[in-house]
Amino acid sequence: MGRSKHDEFTVRDNRIARYAKALAHPARVAILRFLINKRSCVCGDIVDELPLAQSTVSQHLKELKAAGLIQGEIEGTTVCYCIDPKAWAMAEQCLGDLLKSFIDGGSCCAPAKPTIATKR
C-alpha cells in the first residue's frame, strides 16, 4: 500500500488537523466544556448533560480520546474521563500559533467596489 498523505505534512500540521477534527462537532465541544467545568474525572454524568444517547456520547468520547484531548481510566465497569493537561497545553499552543500567525493587512479577496460607468 502507498504512503499515507498524512506523511506529506509536518507532525505539527497533522496534530492541528487531529485537534480540529475533534473540535468539529458541537457535542464534542459540549463534552469538553463539561469536563473543563467539572475539573475532575467524570463517568456517567456526561450522558445526563447532553441530549444524546449513551452510545453516541461514547463515540464522541472515543474521538476526543483519539485526538489526545481527554484521558480515560477504567474503574470496574465504567470509564472515567477528564481533560489531559499535557495534551490540552499542546493543543492550545498549536492552535494558538496557527491562529496568531495571520496578520491582517487587508484582504486580497475583498470584493472590489463597483465602479459607475459614465458616458461621454
C-alpha atoms as a PDB file:
ATOM      1  CA  MET A   1       0.000   0.000   0.000  1.00  0.00           C
ATOM      2  CA  GLY A   2       1.230   3.529  -0.761  1.00  0.00           C
ATOM      3  CA  ARG A   3       2.410   6.110   1.664  1.00  0.00           C
ATOM      4  CA  SER A   4      -0.279   7.980   3.566  1.00  0.00           C
ATOM      5  CA  LYS A   5      -0.940  11.565   2.528  1.00  0.00           C
ATOM      6  CA  HIS A   6      -0.506  12.468   6.197  1.00  0.00           C
ATOM      7  CA  ASP A   7       3.201  11.759   5.711  1.00  0.00           C
ATOM      8  CA  GLU A   8       3.375  14.652   3.255  1.00  0.00           C
ATOM      9  CA  PHE A   9       2.678  17.175   6.033  1.00  0.00           C
ATOM     10  CA  THR A  10       4.516  18.175   9.184  1.00  0.00           C
ATOM     11  CA  VAL A  11       3.888  16.482  12.504  1.00  0.00           C
ATOM     12  CA  ARG A  12       2.560  19.803  13.799  1.00  0.00           C
ATOM     13  CA  ASP A  13       0.113  20.194  10.882  1.00  0.00           C
ATOM     14  CA  ASN A  14      -1.162  16.645  11.407  1.00  0.00           C
ATOM     15  CA  ARG A  15      -1.581  17.372  15.112  1.00  0.00           C
ATOM     16  CA  ILE A  16      -3.555  20.556  14.386  1.00  0.00           C
ATOM     17  CA  ALA A  17      -5.766  18.635  11.954  1.00  0.00           C
ATOM     18  CA  ARG A  18      -6.416  15.958  14.595  1.00  0.00           C
ATOM     19  CA  TYR A  19      -7.435  18.643  17.135  1.00  0.00           C
ATOM     20  CA  ALA A  20      -9.594  20.424  14.557  1.00  0.00           C
ATOM     21  CA  LYS A  21     -11.378  17.171  13.696  1.00  0.00           C
ATOM     22  CA  ALA A  22     -12.044  16.513  17.368  1.00  0.00           C
ATOM     23  CA  LEU A  23     -13.440  20.032  17.810  1.00  0.00           C
ATOM     24  CA  ALA A  24     -15.554  19.858  14.646  1.00  0.00           C
ATOM     25  CA  HIS A  25     -18.729  18.645  16.334  1.00  0.00           C
ATOM     26  CA  PRO A  26     -20.770  20.674  18.827  1.00  0.00           C
ATOM     27  CA  ALA A  27     -21.361  17.620  21.024  1.00  0.00           C
ATOM     28  CA  ARG A  28     -17.612  17.164  21.471  1.00  0.00           C
ATOM     29  CA  VAL A  29     -17.211  20.850  22.292  1.00  0.00           C
ATOM     30  CA  ALA A  30     -20.006  20.488  24.859  1.00  0.00           C
ATOM     31  CA  ILE A  31     -18.303  17.431  26.359  1.00  0.00           C
ATOM     32  CA  LEU A  32     -15.024  19.332  26.653  1.00  0.00           C
ATOM     33  CA  ARG A  33     -16.766  22.300  28.297  1.00  0.00           C
ATOM     34  CA  PHE A  34     -18.431  19.934  30.747  1.00  0.00           C
ATOM     35  CA  LEU A  35     -15.133  18.254  31.643  1.00  0.00           C
ATOM     36  CA  ILE A  36     -13.387  21.622  31.979  1.00  0.00           C
ATOM     37  CA  ASN A  37     -16.063  22.901  34.345  1.00  0.00           C
ATOM     38  CA  LYS A  38     -16.085  19.712  36.440  1.00  0.00           C
ATOM     39  CA  ARG A  39     -12.295  19.752  36.877  1.00  0.00           C
ATOM     40  CA  SER A  40     -12.406  16.091  37.871  1.00  0.00           C
ATOM     41  CA  CYS A  41     -12.913  12.689  36.320  1.00  0.00           C
ATOM     42  CA  VAL A  42     -16.449  12.131  35.149  1.00  0.00           C
ATOM     43  CA  CYS A  43     -18.099   8.801  34.450  1.00  0.00           C
ATOM     44  CA  GLY A  44     -21.814   8.579  33.671  1.00  0.00           C
ATOM     45  CA  ASP A  45     -22.624  12.261  34.247  1.00  0.00           C
ATOM     46  CA  ILE A  46     -21.736  13.217  30.676  1.00  0.00           C
ATOM     47  CA  VAL A  47     -24.705  11.343  29.241  1.00  0.00           C
ATOM     48  CA  ASP A  48     -27.031  13.116  31.697  1.00  0.00           C
ATOM     49  CA  GLU A  49     -25.790  16.509  30.478  1.00  0.00           C
ATOM     50  CA  LEU A  50     -26.274  16.019  26.734  1.00  0.00           C
ATOM     51  CA  PRO A  51     -29.368  15.365  24.618  1.00  0.00           C
ATOM     52  CA  LEU A  52     -27.704  12.295  23.118  1.00  0.00           C
ATOM     53  CA  ALA A  53     -27.862   8.551  23.595  1.00  0.00           C
ATOM     54  CA  GLN A  54     -25.171   6.886  25.664  1.00  0.00           C
ATOM     55  CA  SER A  55     -23.739   5.139  22.599  1.00  0.00           C
ATOM     56  CA  THR A  56     -23.454   8.468  20.742  1.00  0.00           C
ATOM     57  CA  VAL A  57     -21.698  10.100  23.695  1.00  0.00           C
ATOM     58  CA  SER A  58     -19.319   7.125  23.797  1.00  0.00           C
ATOM     59  CA  GLN A  59     -18.433   7.652  20.124  1.00  0.00           C
ATOM     60  CA  HIS A  60     -17.712  11.333  20.761  1.00  0.00           C
ATOM     61  CA  LEU A  61     -15.579  10.460  23.780  1.00  0.00           C
ATOM     62  CA  LYS A  62     -13.675   7.983  21.611  1.00  0.00           C
ATOM     63  CA  GLU A  63     -12.907  10.754  19.088  1.00  0.00           C
ATOM     64  CA  LEU A  64     -11.762  13.154  21.806  1.00  0.00           C
ATOM     65  CA  LYS A  65      -9.559  10.476  23.315  1.00  0.00           C
ATOM     66  CA  ALA A  66      -8.087   9.565  19.899  1.00  0.00           C
ATOM     67  CA  ALA A  67      -7.167  13.228  19.437  1.00  0.00           C
ATOM     68  CA  GLY A  68      -5.458  13.128  22.818  1.00  0.00           C
ATOM     69  CA  LEU A  69      -7.566  15.877  24.355  1.00  0.00           C
ATOM     70  CA  ILE A  70      -9.010  13.683  27.087  1.00  0.00           C
ATOM     71  CA  GLN A  71      -7.885  10.653  29.010  1.00  0.00           C
ATOM     72  CA  GLY A  72      -9.939   7.850  30.455  1.00  0.00           C
ATOM     73  CA  GLU A  73      -9.398   5.340  33.214  1.00  0.00           C
ATOM     74  CA  ILE A  74     -11.301   2.103  33.600  1.00  0.00           C
ATOM     75  CA  GLU A  75     -12.842   1.771  37.046  1.00  0.00           C
ATOM     76  CA  GLY A  76     -14.712  -1.502  37.282  1.00  0.00           C
ATOM     77  CA  THR A  77     -17.320  -1.492  34.515  1.00  0.00           C
ATOM     78  CA  THR A  78     -17.140   2.267  33.900  1.00  0.00           C
ATOM     79  CA  VAL A  79     -14.640   4.585  32.291  1.00  0.00           C
ATOM     80  CA  CYS A  80     -13.987   7.958  33.874  1.00  0.00           C
ATOM     81  CA  TYR A  81     -12.858  10.839  31.670  1.00  0.00           C
ATOM     82  CA  CYS A  82     -11.032  14.099  32.236  1.00  0.00           C
ATOM     83  CA  ILE A  83      -9.002  16.643  30.281  1.00  0.00           C
ATOM     84  CA  ASP A  84      -5.426  15.529  29.626  1.00  0.00           C
ATOM     85  CA  PRO A  85      -3.482  18.592  30.872  1.00  0.00           C
ATOM     86  CA  LYS A  86      -0.320  17.984  28.823  1.00  0.00           C
ATOM     87  CA  ALA A  87      -2.228  17.298  25.611  1.00  0.00           C
ATOM     88  CA  TRP A  88      -4.501  20.282  26.278  1.00  0.00           C
ATOM     89  CA  ALA A  89      -1.464  22.568  26.617  1.00  0.00           C
ATOM     90  CA  MET A  90      -0.079  21.204  23.338  1.00  0.00           C
ATOM     91  CA  ALA A  91      -3.409  21.774  21.570  1.00  0.00           C
ATOM     92  CA  GLU A  92      -3.594  25.301  22.953  1.00  0.00           C
ATOM     93  CA  GLN A  93      -0.076  26.023  21.715  1.00  0.00           C
ATOM     94  CA  CYS A  94      -0.561  24.508  18.245  1.00  0.00           C
ATOM     95  CA  LEU A  95      -3.956  26.049  17.570  1.00  0.00           C
ATOM     96  CA  GLY A  96      -2.925  29.368  19.106  1.00  0.00           C
ATOM     97  CA  ASP A  97       0.206  29.572  16.974  1.00  0.00           C
ATOM     98  CA  LEU A  98      -1.813  28.909  13.830  1.00  0.00           C
ATOM     99  CA  LEU A  99      -4.489  31.467  14.671  1.00  0.00           C
ATOM    100  CA  LYS A 100      -1.959  34.103  15.742  1.00  0.00           C
ATOM    101  CA  SER A 101       0.123  33.659  12.584  1.00  0.00           C
ATOM    102  CA  PHE A 102      -2.368  35.639  10.489  1.00  0.00           C
ATOM    103  CA  ILE A 103      -1.633  39.332  10.296  1.00  0.00           C
ATOM    104  CA  ASP A 104      -4.461  41.314   8.787  1.00  0.00           C
ATOM    105  CA  GLY A 105      -3.080  43.542   6.094  1.00  0.00           C
ATOM    106  CA  GLY A 106      -6.315  43.903   4.213  1.00  0.00           C
ATOM    107  CA  SER A 107      -7.929  41.090   2.369  1.00  0.00           C
ATOM    108  CA  CYS A 108      -6.825  40.259  -1.125  1.00  0.00           C
ATOM    109  CA  CYS A 109     -10.194  38.570  -1.576  1.00  0.00           C
ATOM    110  CA  ALA A 110     -12.332  41.571  -0.633  1.00  0.00           C
ATOM    111  CA  PRO A 111     -14.888  42.260  -3.314  1.00  0.00           C
ATOM    112  CA  ALA A 112     -13.999  45.192  -5.477  1.00  0.00           C
ATOM    113  CA  LYS A 113     -16.194  48.234  -5.142  1.00  0.00           C
ATOM    114  CA  PRO A 114     -18.437  48.586  -8.145  1.00  0.00           C
ATOM    115  CA  THR A 115     -17.468  51.340 -10.480  1.00  0.00           C
ATOM    116  CA  ILE A 116     -20.006  53.595 -12.075  1.00  0.00           C
ATOM    117  CA  ALA A 117     -19.608  53.805 -15.795  1.00  0.00           C
ATOM    118  CA  THR A 118     -20.058  57.251 -17.226  1.00  0.00           C
ATOM    119  CA  LYS A 119     -20.995  58.029 -20.802  1.00  0.00           C
ATOM    120  CA  ARG A 120     -19.002  60.560 -22.746  1.00  0.00           C
END
